[in-house]
């Protein structure tokens, strides 16, 4: 039986500081940028094309107001995603706010009704500043690319990923996680 679903926003909250500081034209130190690249959950999105050095290079370029010179499609996408956050911090806040108050108790009940003997008692939903992938499943963790969270500008409290409501999206992906 699934007993708990933890929502982790550590990387996003760290990036919020970065986005706010950079937006206010404050220099974000290299040490802070490296610390963000070393957030343990970030390791799940790293591969041969995109790694800690990619994060450092992209965030340093943005902080220093330099053009990113990279052949990597994932680095360029990460650069674009972060620049988008800097364009409208009010929208960024609209993306973060519903995640901070996310209650997944109903999802626990629904998953327990669907799955007789789930593999895990505790699941984690982790939002990361990703590059291309919308989500990733590893072990008992669902990683969601924060940049895919879309708050509705006209309907308060309506948040989607793609065309799916946030809670439905999380339930769908967690069903896949516990079923596999």
N, C-alpha and C. Protein backbone atom coordinates (compact mmCIF):
# COMPACT_ATOMS: atom_id res chain seq x y z
N UNK A 1 0.84 -1.19 0.00
CA UNK A 1 0.00 0.00 0.00
C UNK A 1 0.88 1.25 0.00
N UNK A 2 0.51 2.19 -0.82
CA UNK A 2 1.23 3.45 -0.87
C UNK A 2 0.78 4.29 0.32
N UNK A 3 1.72 4.73 1.11
CA UNK A 3 1.39 5.49 2.31
C UNK A 3 1.63 6.99 2.16
N UNK A 4 2.56 7.34 1.26
CA UNK A 4 2.94 8.75 1.20
C UNK A 4 3.49 9.11 -0.17
N UNK A 5 3.18 10.31 -0.62
CA UNK A 5 3.80 10.87 -1.82
C UNK A 5 4.42 12.20 -1.41
N UNK A 6 5.73 12.29 -1.56
CA UNK A 6 6.46 13.52 -1.23
C UNK A 6 6.64 14.36 -2.49
N UNK A 7 6.40 15.64 -2.35
CA UNK A 7 6.65 16.58 -3.44
C UNK A 7 7.94 17.32 -3.09
N UNK A 8 8.90 17.29 -4.02
CA UNK A 8 10.18 17.94 -3.79
C UNK A 8 10.40 19.07 -4.79
N UNK A 9 10.63 20.25 -4.23
CA UNK A 9 10.83 21.45 -5.05
C UNK A 9 12.19 22.10 -4.81
N UNK A 10 13.12 21.38 -4.19
CA UNK A 10 14.41 21.96 -3.81
C UNK A 10 15.10 22.64 -4.98
N UNK A 11 15.19 21.96 -6.10
CA UNK A 11 15.89 22.53 -7.26
C UNK A 11 15.16 23.77 -7.79
N UNK A 12 13.84 23.72 -7.80
CA UNK A 12 13.07 24.85 -8.32
C UNK A 12 13.18 26.05 -7.39
N UNK A 13 13.15 25.81 -6.09
CA UNK A 13 13.29 26.94 -5.16
C UNK A 13 14.68 27.55 -5.27
N UNK A 14 15.69 26.74 -5.48
CA UNK A 14 17.03 27.27 -5.70
C UNK A 14 17.11 28.07 -6.99
N UNK A 15 16.44 27.58 -8.01
CA UNK A 15 16.43 28.29 -9.29
C UNK A 15 15.63 29.59 -9.19
N UNK A 16 14.60 29.61 -8.36
CA UNK A 16 13.82 30.83 -8.19
C UNK A 16 14.72 31.96 -7.70
N UNK A 17 15.58 31.65 -6.74
CA UNK A 17 16.56 32.66 -6.27
C UNK A 17 17.44 33.11 -7.44
N UNK A 18 17.92 32.17 -8.22
CA UNK A 18 18.77 32.49 -9.37
C UNK A 18 18.02 33.39 -10.35
N UNK A 19 16.78 33.02 -10.71
CA UNK A 19 16.02 33.81 -11.67
C UNK A 19 15.74 35.22 -11.15
N UNK A 20 15.36 35.34 -9.88
CA UNK A 20 15.07 36.65 -9.31
C UNK A 20 16.33 37.51 -9.27
N UNK A 21 17.43 36.95 -8.82
CA UNK A 21 18.68 37.71 -8.73
C UNK A 21 19.16 38.13 -10.11
N UNK A 22 19.11 37.22 -11.06
CA UNK A 22 19.56 37.53 -12.41
C UNK A 22 18.66 38.58 -13.04
N UNK A 23 17.36 38.47 -12.80
CA UNK A 23 16.41 39.44 -13.33
C UNK A 23 16.68 40.83 -12.78
N UNK A 24 17.12 40.90 -11.53
CA UNK A 24 17.43 42.19 -10.90
C UNK A 24 18.86 42.64 -11.20
N UNK A 25 19.49 41.95 -12.13
CA UNK A 25 20.85 42.26 -12.60
C UNK A 25 21.92 42.09 -11.52
N UNK A 26 21.61 41.26 -10.55
CA UNK A 26 22.63 40.91 -9.55
C UNK A 26 23.47 39.77 -10.11
N UNK A 27 24.72 39.77 -9.80
CA UNK A 27 25.62 38.70 -10.23
C UNK A 27 25.42 37.50 -9.32
N UNK A 28 25.09 36.37 -9.90
CA UNK A 28 24.96 35.13 -9.14
C UNK A 28 26.33 34.45 -9.19
N UNK A 29 26.87 34.18 -8.04
CA UNK A 29 28.22 33.63 -7.96
C UNK A 29 28.34 32.24 -8.56
N UNK A 30 29.52 31.97 -9.06
CA UNK A 30 29.83 30.68 -9.67
C UNK A 30 29.60 29.53 -8.68
N UNK A 31 29.91 29.78 -7.41
CA UNK A 31 29.74 28.74 -6.40
C UNK A 31 28.27 28.35 -6.28
N UNK A 32 27.37 29.33 -6.29
CA UNK A 32 25.94 29.04 -6.21
C UNK A 32 25.49 28.25 -7.43
N UNK A 33 25.96 28.66 -8.59
CA UNK A 33 25.59 27.97 -9.83
C UNK A 33 26.06 26.52 -9.80
N UNK A 34 27.28 26.29 -9.34
CA UNK A 34 27.79 24.92 -9.23
C UNK A 34 26.97 24.12 -8.23
N UNK A 35 26.57 24.76 -7.13
CA UNK A 35 25.73 24.09 -6.14
C UNK A 35 24.41 23.66 -6.77
N UNK A 36 23.82 24.51 -7.60
CA UNK A 36 22.58 24.14 -8.29
C UNK A 36 22.80 22.95 -9.22
N UNK A 37 23.92 22.93 -9.90
CA UNK A 37 24.22 21.82 -10.81
C UNK A 37 24.44 20.52 -10.05
N UNK A 38 24.82 20.64 -8.78
CA UNK A 38 25.10 19.46 -7.97
C UNK A 38 23.93 18.99 -7.12
N UNK A 39 22.77 19.61 -7.26
CA UNK A 39 21.58 19.13 -6.55
C UNK A 39 21.41 17.65 -6.95
N UNK A 40 21.35 16.74 -5.98
CA UNK A 40 21.35 15.30 -6.30
C UNK A 40 20.29 14.87 -7.32
N UNK A 41 19.11 15.45 -7.26
CA UNK A 41 18.05 15.05 -8.18
C UNK A 41 18.38 15.41 -9.63
N UNK A 42 19.23 16.41 -9.82
CA UNK A 42 19.61 16.80 -11.18
C UNK A 42 20.35 15.67 -11.91
N UNK A 43 21.00 14.80 -11.15
CA UNK A 43 21.74 13.70 -11.77
C UNK A 43 20.86 12.85 -12.67
N UNK A 44 19.57 12.80 -12.39
CA UNK A 44 18.66 11.97 -13.18
C UNK A 44 18.44 12.51 -14.59
N UNK A 45 18.70 13.79 -14.82
CA UNK A 45 18.51 14.33 -16.17
C UNK A 45 19.84 14.47 -16.92
N UNK A 46 20.92 14.10 -16.27
CA UNK A 46 22.23 14.20 -16.91
C UNK A 46 22.49 12.98 -17.79
N UNK A 47 23.18 13.23 -18.89
CA UNK A 47 23.59 12.17 -19.79
C UNK A 47 24.86 12.62 -20.51
N UNK A 48 25.19 11.97 -21.61
CA UNK A 48 26.42 12.31 -22.34
C UNK A 48 26.38 13.71 -22.95
N UNK A 49 25.19 14.20 -23.26
CA UNK A 49 25.05 15.51 -23.90
C UNK A 49 24.78 16.66 -22.92
N UNK A 50 24.31 16.32 -21.73
CA UNK A 50 23.90 17.35 -20.78
C UNK A 50 24.28 16.89 -19.39
N UNK A 51 25.16 17.68 -18.72
CA UNK A 51 25.68 17.28 -17.41
C UNK A 51 25.86 18.50 -16.51
N UNK A 52 26.53 18.31 -15.39
CA UNK A 52 26.75 19.42 -14.45
C UNK A 52 27.44 20.60 -15.12
N UNK A 53 28.40 20.30 -15.96
CA UNK A 53 29.12 21.37 -16.66
C UNK A 53 28.18 22.13 -17.60
N UNK A 54 27.23 21.44 -18.19
CA UNK A 54 26.24 22.09 -19.05
C UNK A 54 25.43 23.11 -18.26
N UNK A 55 24.96 22.69 -17.09
CA UNK A 55 24.18 23.58 -16.23
C UNK A 55 25.03 24.79 -15.83
N UNK A 56 26.26 24.53 -15.41
CA UNK A 56 27.16 25.62 -15.01
C UNK A 56 27.38 26.59 -16.16
N UNK A 57 27.68 26.04 -17.34
CA UNK A 57 27.97 26.88 -18.50
C UNK A 57 26.76 27.74 -18.88
N UNK A 58 25.59 27.14 -18.92
CA UNK A 58 24.38 27.86 -19.32
C UNK A 58 24.02 28.94 -18.30
N UNK A 59 23.97 28.56 -17.02
CA UNK A 59 23.58 29.54 -16.00
C UNK A 59 24.62 30.65 -15.85
N UNK A 60 25.89 30.33 -16.02
CA UNK A 60 26.93 31.37 -15.98
C UNK A 60 26.77 32.34 -17.13
N UNK A 61 26.50 31.80 -18.32
CA UNK A 61 26.32 32.66 -19.50
C UNK A 61 25.15 33.62 -19.28
N UNK A 62 24.05 33.10 -18.75
CA UNK A 62 22.89 33.95 -18.51
C UNK A 62 23.20 35.01 -17.45
N UNK A 63 23.82 34.59 -16.36
CA UNK A 63 24.14 35.51 -15.27
C UNK A 63 25.10 36.60 -15.73
N UNK A 64 26.02 36.23 -16.61
CA UNK A 64 27.01 37.19 -17.11
C UNK A 64 26.53 37.94 -18.35
N UNK A 65 25.30 37.70 -18.75
CA UNK A 65 24.70 38.32 -19.93
C UNK A 65 25.52 38.08 -21.19
N UNK A 66 25.91 36.82 -21.34
CA UNK A 66 26.67 36.40 -22.52
C UNK A 66 25.77 35.53 -23.39
N UNK A 67 26.07 35.51 -24.67
CA UNK A 67 25.38 34.62 -25.59
C UNK A 67 25.95 33.22 -25.38
N UNK A 68 25.06 32.23 -25.35
CA UNK A 68 25.51 30.84 -25.20
C UNK A 68 26.04 30.35 -26.52
N UNK A 69 27.25 29.85 -26.51
CA UNK A 69 27.86 29.28 -27.70
C UNK A 69 27.97 27.78 -27.48
N UNK A 70 26.97 27.05 -27.96
CA UNK A 70 26.94 25.60 -27.72
C UNK A 70 26.35 24.88 -28.91
N UNK A 71 26.93 23.75 -29.22
CA UNK A 71 26.40 22.88 -30.27
C UNK A 71 25.32 21.95 -29.73
N UNK A 72 25.24 21.83 -28.41
CA UNK A 72 24.31 20.89 -27.78
C UNK A 72 22.88 21.42 -27.82
N UNK A 73 21.99 20.63 -28.41
CA UNK A 73 20.58 21.01 -28.48
C UNK A 73 19.98 21.09 -27.07
N UNK A 74 20.39 20.19 -26.18
CA UNK A 74 19.87 20.19 -24.81
C UNK A 74 20.33 21.42 -24.04
N UNK A 75 21.57 21.84 -24.23
CA UNK A 75 22.07 23.05 -23.56
C UNK A 75 21.34 24.28 -24.08
N UNK A 76 21.11 24.34 -25.39
CA UNK A 76 20.40 25.48 -25.96
C UNK A 76 18.95 25.53 -25.46
N UNK A 77 18.32 24.37 -25.34
CA UNK A 77 16.94 24.31 -24.83
C UNK A 77 16.90 24.74 -23.36
N UNK A 78 17.88 24.30 -22.58
CA UNK A 78 17.98 24.70 -21.17
C UNK A 78 18.18 26.21 -21.07
N UNK A 79 19.01 26.78 -21.94
CA UNK A 79 19.24 28.22 -21.98
C UNK A 79 17.92 28.95 -22.30
N UNK A 80 17.22 28.48 -23.33
CA UNK A 80 15.94 29.10 -23.71
C UNK A 80 14.93 29.03 -22.58
N UNK A 81 14.83 27.88 -21.91
CA UNK A 81 13.89 27.72 -20.81
C UNK A 81 14.19 28.70 -19.68
N UNK A 82 15.44 28.85 -19.34
CA UNK A 82 15.82 29.76 -18.26
C UNK A 82 15.62 31.22 -18.66
N UNK A 83 15.89 31.55 -19.89
CA UNK A 83 15.65 32.92 -20.35
C UNK A 83 14.16 33.24 -20.31
N UNK A 84 13.34 32.27 -20.62
CA UNK A 84 11.88 32.43 -20.58
C UNK A 84 11.44 32.75 -19.16
N UNK A 85 12.04 32.10 -18.17
CA UNK A 85 11.68 32.37 -16.77
C UNK A 85 12.01 33.81 -16.39
N UNK A 86 13.08 34.33 -16.95
CA UNK A 86 13.51 35.69 -16.62
C UNK A 86 12.62 36.76 -17.26
N UNK A 87 11.92 36.40 -18.33
CA UNK A 87 11.10 37.37 -19.04
C UNK A 87 9.91 37.87 -18.21
N UNK A 88 9.31 36.97 -17.42
CA UNK A 88 8.11 37.33 -16.67
C UNK A 88 8.09 36.56 -15.36
N UNK A 89 8.67 37.16 -14.32
CA UNK A 89 8.73 36.48 -13.03
C UNK A 89 7.35 36.29 -12.41
N UNK A 90 6.38 37.12 -12.78
CA UNK A 90 5.03 36.93 -12.27
C UNK A 90 4.46 35.61 -12.80
N UNK A 91 4.74 35.30 -14.05
CA UNK A 91 4.30 34.03 -14.63
C UNK A 91 5.06 32.86 -13.97
N UNK A 92 6.33 33.05 -13.73
CA UNK A 92 7.13 32.03 -13.04
C UNK A 92 6.52 31.74 -11.68
N UNK A 93 6.14 32.78 -10.97
CA UNK A 93 5.49 32.60 -9.67
C UNK A 93 4.16 31.85 -9.81
N UNK A 94 3.43 32.13 -10.91
CA UNK A 94 2.18 31.41 -11.16
C UNK A 94 2.44 29.92 -11.39
N UNK A 95 3.60 29.60 -11.92
CA UNK A 95 3.97 28.20 -12.14
C UNK A 95 4.33 27.51 -10.82
N UNK A 96 5.02 28.24 -9.95
CA UNK A 96 5.52 27.66 -8.70
C UNK A 96 4.44 27.55 -7.63
N UNK A 97 3.60 28.56 -7.54
CA UNK A 97 2.61 28.63 -6.45
C UNK A 97 1.77 27.35 -6.29
N UNK A 98 1.18 26.82 -7.35
CA UNK A 98 0.35 25.62 -7.16
C UNK A 98 1.18 24.38 -6.77
N UNK A 99 2.44 24.37 -7.10
CA UNK A 99 3.29 23.24 -6.74
C UNK A 99 3.60 23.25 -5.24
N UNK A 100 3.71 24.45 -4.68
CA UNK A 100 4.00 24.56 -3.25
C UNK A 100 2.84 24.10 -2.39
N UNK A 101 1.64 24.14 -2.93
CA UNK A 101 0.46 23.74 -2.16
C UNK A 101 -0.14 22.44 -2.69
N UNK A 102 0.60 21.73 -3.48
CA UNK A 102 0.12 20.50 -4.11
C UNK A 102 -0.22 19.45 -3.06
N UNK A 103 -1.46 18.99 -3.07
CA UNK A 103 -1.91 17.95 -2.14
C UNK A 103 -2.23 16.71 -2.96
N UNK A 104 -1.49 15.63 -2.71
CA UNK A 104 -1.65 14.41 -3.49
C UNK A 104 -2.34 13.29 -2.72
N UNK A 105 -3.04 13.62 -1.63
CA UNK A 105 -3.74 12.60 -0.83
C UNK A 105 -4.76 11.83 -1.67
N UNK A 106 -5.52 12.52 -2.51
CA UNK A 106 -6.49 11.83 -3.37
C UNK A 106 -5.81 10.91 -4.36
N UNK A 107 -4.65 11.30 -4.82
CA UNK A 107 -3.89 10.47 -5.75
C UNK A 107 -3.45 9.18 -5.05
N UNK A 108 -3.05 9.28 -3.80
CA UNK A 108 -2.67 8.09 -3.03
C UNK A 108 -3.86 7.12 -2.99
N UNK A 109 -5.03 7.64 -2.66
CA UNK A 109 -6.22 6.79 -2.59
C UNK A 109 -6.53 6.14 -3.93
N UNK A 110 -6.46 6.91 -5.00
CA UNK A 110 -6.74 6.36 -6.34
C UNK A 110 -5.73 5.30 -6.74
N UNK A 111 -4.45 5.55 -6.45
CA UNK A 111 -3.41 4.56 -6.78
C UNK A 111 -3.62 3.28 -5.99
N UNK A 112 -3.94 3.40 -4.72
CA UNK A 112 -4.16 2.22 -3.89
C UNK A 112 -5.38 1.41 -4.35
N UNK A 113 -6.36 2.07 -4.95
CA UNK A 113 -7.52 1.36 -5.50
C UNK A 113 -7.17 0.64 -6.80
N UNK A 114 -6.27 1.22 -7.58
CA UNK A 114 -5.90 0.65 -8.88
C UNK A 114 -4.92 -0.51 -8.76
N UNK A 115 -3.98 -0.40 -7.84
CA UNK A 115 -2.87 -1.35 -7.74
C UNK A 115 -3.01 -2.17 -6.46
N UNK A 116 -3.08 -3.48 -6.60
CA UNK A 116 -3.24 -4.33 -5.42
C UNK A 116 -2.00 -4.37 -4.55
N UNK A 117 -0.86 -4.59 -5.15
CA UNK A 117 0.38 -4.67 -4.37
C UNK A 117 1.45 -3.78 -5.01
N UNK A 118 1.40 -2.50 -4.71
CA UNK A 118 2.41 -1.59 -5.28
C UNK A 118 3.81 -1.94 -4.76
N UNK A 119 4.79 -1.62 -5.56
CA UNK A 119 6.18 -1.93 -5.23
C UNK A 119 6.74 -1.01 -4.15
N UNK A 120 6.13 0.15 -3.94
CA UNK A 120 6.69 1.14 -3.02
C UNK A 120 5.63 1.62 -2.04
N UNK A 121 6.07 1.94 -0.84
CA UNK A 121 5.18 2.57 0.15
C UNK A 121 5.24 4.08 0.05
N UNK A 122 6.37 4.60 -0.42
CA UNK A 122 6.54 6.04 -0.55
C UNK A 122 6.99 6.37 -1.97
N UNK A 123 6.34 7.36 -2.55
CA UNK A 123 6.69 7.84 -3.88
C UNK A 123 7.15 9.29 -3.76
N UNK A 124 7.92 9.72 -4.73
CA UNK A 124 8.38 11.11 -4.77
C UNK A 124 8.03 11.72 -6.12
N UNK A 125 7.51 12.92 -6.07
CA UNK A 125 7.27 13.72 -7.27
C UNK A 125 8.23 14.90 -7.17
N UNK A 126 9.15 14.96 -8.11
CA UNK A 126 10.24 15.94 -8.05
C UNK A 126 10.18 16.83 -9.29
N UNK A 127 10.09 18.12 -9.05
CA UNK A 127 10.09 19.08 -10.16
C UNK A 127 11.51 19.59 -10.35
N UNK A 128 11.97 19.52 -11.60
CA UNK A 128 13.34 19.94 -11.94
C UNK A 128 13.32 20.91 -13.10
N UNK A 129 14.33 21.78 -13.18
CA UNK A 129 14.48 22.62 -14.37
C UNK A 129 15.13 21.78 -15.46
N UNK A 130 14.33 21.17 -16.28
CA UNK A 130 14.84 20.23 -17.28
C UNK A 130 15.19 20.87 -18.60
N UNK A 131 15.42 20.02 -19.58
CA UNK A 131 15.70 20.51 -20.92
C UNK A 131 14.61 20.05 -21.86
N UNK A 132 14.68 18.84 -22.39
CA UNK A 132 13.71 18.44 -23.40
C UNK A 132 12.61 17.52 -22.88
N UNK A 133 12.95 16.55 -22.08
CA UNK A 133 11.97 15.56 -21.65
C UNK A 133 10.92 16.17 -20.74
N UNK A 134 9.67 15.74 -20.93
CA UNK A 134 8.57 16.23 -20.12
C UNK A 134 8.60 15.61 -18.72
N UNK A 135 8.96 14.34 -18.66
CA UNK A 135 9.04 13.65 -17.38
C UNK A 135 10.00 12.47 -17.50
N UNK A 136 10.35 11.92 -16.34
CA UNK A 136 11.23 10.76 -16.26
C UNK A 136 10.81 9.96 -15.05
N UNK A 137 10.80 8.65 -15.18
CA UNK A 137 10.50 7.78 -14.05
C UNK A 137 11.74 6.97 -13.74
N UNK A 138 12.12 6.97 -12.46
CA UNK A 138 13.26 6.17 -12.00
C UNK A 138 12.98 5.73 -10.56
N UNK A 139 13.10 4.44 -10.33
CA UNK A 139 12.83 3.88 -9.00
C UNK A 139 11.43 4.31 -8.55
N UNK A 140 11.35 4.90 -7.36
CA UNK A 140 10.05 5.34 -6.83
C UNK A 140 9.84 6.84 -7.07
N UNK A 141 10.51 7.38 -8.07
CA UNK A 141 10.50 8.83 -8.30
C UNK A 141 9.91 9.18 -9.67
N UNK A 142 9.08 10.21 -9.66
CA UNK A 142 8.58 10.81 -10.89
C UNK A 142 9.19 12.19 -10.98
N UNK A 143 10.00 12.40 -12.00
CA UNK A 143 10.63 13.70 -12.23
C UNK A 143 9.83 14.42 -13.31
N UNK A 144 9.42 15.63 -13.01
CA UNK A 144 8.64 16.42 -13.96
C UNK A 144 9.43 17.67 -14.31
N UNK A 145 9.52 17.94 -15.60
CA UNK A 145 10.20 19.13 -16.08
C UNK A 145 9.36 20.35 -15.72
N UNK A 146 9.86 21.15 -14.82
CA UNK A 146 9.15 22.33 -14.33
C UNK A 146 8.72 23.25 -15.47
N UNK A 147 9.53 23.33 -16.50
CA UNK A 147 9.24 24.25 -17.60
C UNK A 147 8.00 23.83 -18.39
N UNK A 148 7.47 22.64 -18.14
CA UNK A 148 6.27 22.17 -18.82
C UNK A 148 4.99 22.48 -18.04
N UNK A 149 5.12 23.00 -16.83
CA UNK A 149 3.97 23.37 -16.00
C UNK A 149 3.36 24.65 -16.58
N UNK A 150 2.06 24.60 -16.89
CA UNK A 150 1.40 25.74 -17.52
C UNK A 150 0.18 26.18 -16.72
N UNK A 151 0.31 27.29 -15.97
CA UNK A 151 -0.88 27.84 -15.30
C UNK A 151 -1.77 28.54 -16.33
N UNK A 152 -3.06 28.44 -16.14
CA UNK A 152 -4.01 29.09 -17.03
C UNK A 152 -4.08 30.58 -16.67
N UNK A 153 -3.94 31.43 -17.65
CA UNK A 153 -3.95 32.86 -17.40
C UNK A 153 -5.35 33.39 -17.08
N UNK A 154 -6.38 32.63 -17.45
CA UNK A 154 -7.74 33.12 -17.29
C UNK A 154 -8.53 32.39 -16.21
N UNK A 155 -8.11 31.19 -15.88
CA UNK A 155 -8.82 30.39 -14.90
C UNK A 155 -7.89 30.09 -13.73
N UNK A 156 -8.11 30.77 -12.62
CA UNK A 156 -7.25 30.60 -11.45
C UNK A 156 -7.28 29.16 -10.96
N UNK A 157 -6.16 28.67 -10.52
CA UNK A 157 -5.98 27.31 -9.99
C UNK A 157 -6.04 26.23 -11.05
N UNK A 158 -6.11 26.58 -12.33
CA UNK A 158 -6.06 25.58 -13.39
C UNK A 158 -4.62 25.52 -13.89
N UNK A 159 -4.03 24.35 -13.71
CA UNK A 159 -2.64 24.14 -14.12
C UNK A 159 -2.58 22.86 -14.93
N UNK A 160 -1.88 22.91 -16.05
CA UNK A 160 -1.78 21.73 -16.91
C UNK A 160 -0.33 21.43 -17.26
N UNK A 161 -0.13 20.23 -17.72
CA UNK A 161 1.10 19.84 -18.40
C UNK A 161 0.62 19.24 -19.71
N UNK A 162 1.03 19.83 -20.82
CA UNK A 162 0.43 19.47 -22.10
C UNK A 162 -1.03 19.91 -22.04
N UNK A 163 -1.91 18.99 -22.35
CA UNK A 163 -3.35 19.29 -22.28
C UNK A 163 -4.01 18.64 -21.08
N UNK A 164 -3.20 18.10 -20.16
CA UNK A 164 -3.73 17.34 -19.03
C UNK A 164 -3.61 18.16 -17.75
N UNK A 165 -4.68 18.17 -16.96
CA UNK A 165 -4.63 18.85 -15.67
C UNK A 165 -3.51 18.27 -14.81
N UNK A 166 -2.87 19.12 -14.03
CA UNK A 166 -1.69 18.72 -13.26
C UNK A 166 -1.93 17.47 -12.41
N UNK A 167 -3.00 17.44 -11.62
CA UNK A 167 -3.26 16.28 -10.76
C UNK A 167 -3.50 15.02 -11.58
N UNK A 168 -4.23 15.14 -12.68
CA UNK A 168 -4.48 13.99 -13.54
C UNK A 168 -3.17 13.50 -14.17
N UNK A 169 -2.34 14.44 -14.56
CA UNK A 169 -1.03 14.10 -15.15
C UNK A 169 -0.18 13.33 -14.15
N UNK A 170 -0.10 13.84 -12.93
CA UNK A 170 0.70 13.18 -11.89
C UNK A 170 0.14 11.79 -11.61
N UNK A 171 -1.18 11.68 -11.49
CA UNK A 171 -1.80 10.37 -11.24
C UNK A 171 -1.48 9.39 -12.37
N UNK A 172 -1.58 9.86 -13.60
CA UNK A 172 -1.31 9.00 -14.76
C UNK A 172 0.14 8.50 -14.74
N UNK A 173 1.07 9.39 -14.49
CA UNK A 173 2.49 8.99 -14.50
C UNK A 173 2.84 8.13 -13.30
N UNK A 174 2.23 8.42 -12.13
CA UNK A 174 2.50 7.58 -10.96
C UNK A 174 1.87 6.20 -11.12
N UNK A 175 0.76 6.11 -11.83
CA UNK A 175 0.16 4.80 -12.13
C UNK A 175 1.14 3.99 -12.96
N UNK A 176 1.76 4.62 -13.92
CA UNK A 176 2.78 3.94 -14.73
C UNK A 176 3.95 3.50 -13.85
N UNK A 177 4.38 4.38 -12.95
CA UNK A 177 5.50 4.07 -12.06
C UNK A 177 5.21 2.85 -11.19
N UNK A 178 4.05 2.82 -10.56
CA UNK A 178 3.76 1.71 -9.62
C UNK A 178 3.35 0.44 -10.35
N UNK A 179 2.95 0.55 -11.61
CA UNK A 179 2.53 -0.63 -12.37
C UNK A 179 3.70 -1.36 -12.99
N UNK A 180 4.79 -0.66 -13.22
CA UNK A 180 5.91 -1.27 -13.95
C UNK A 180 6.77 -2.13 -13.06
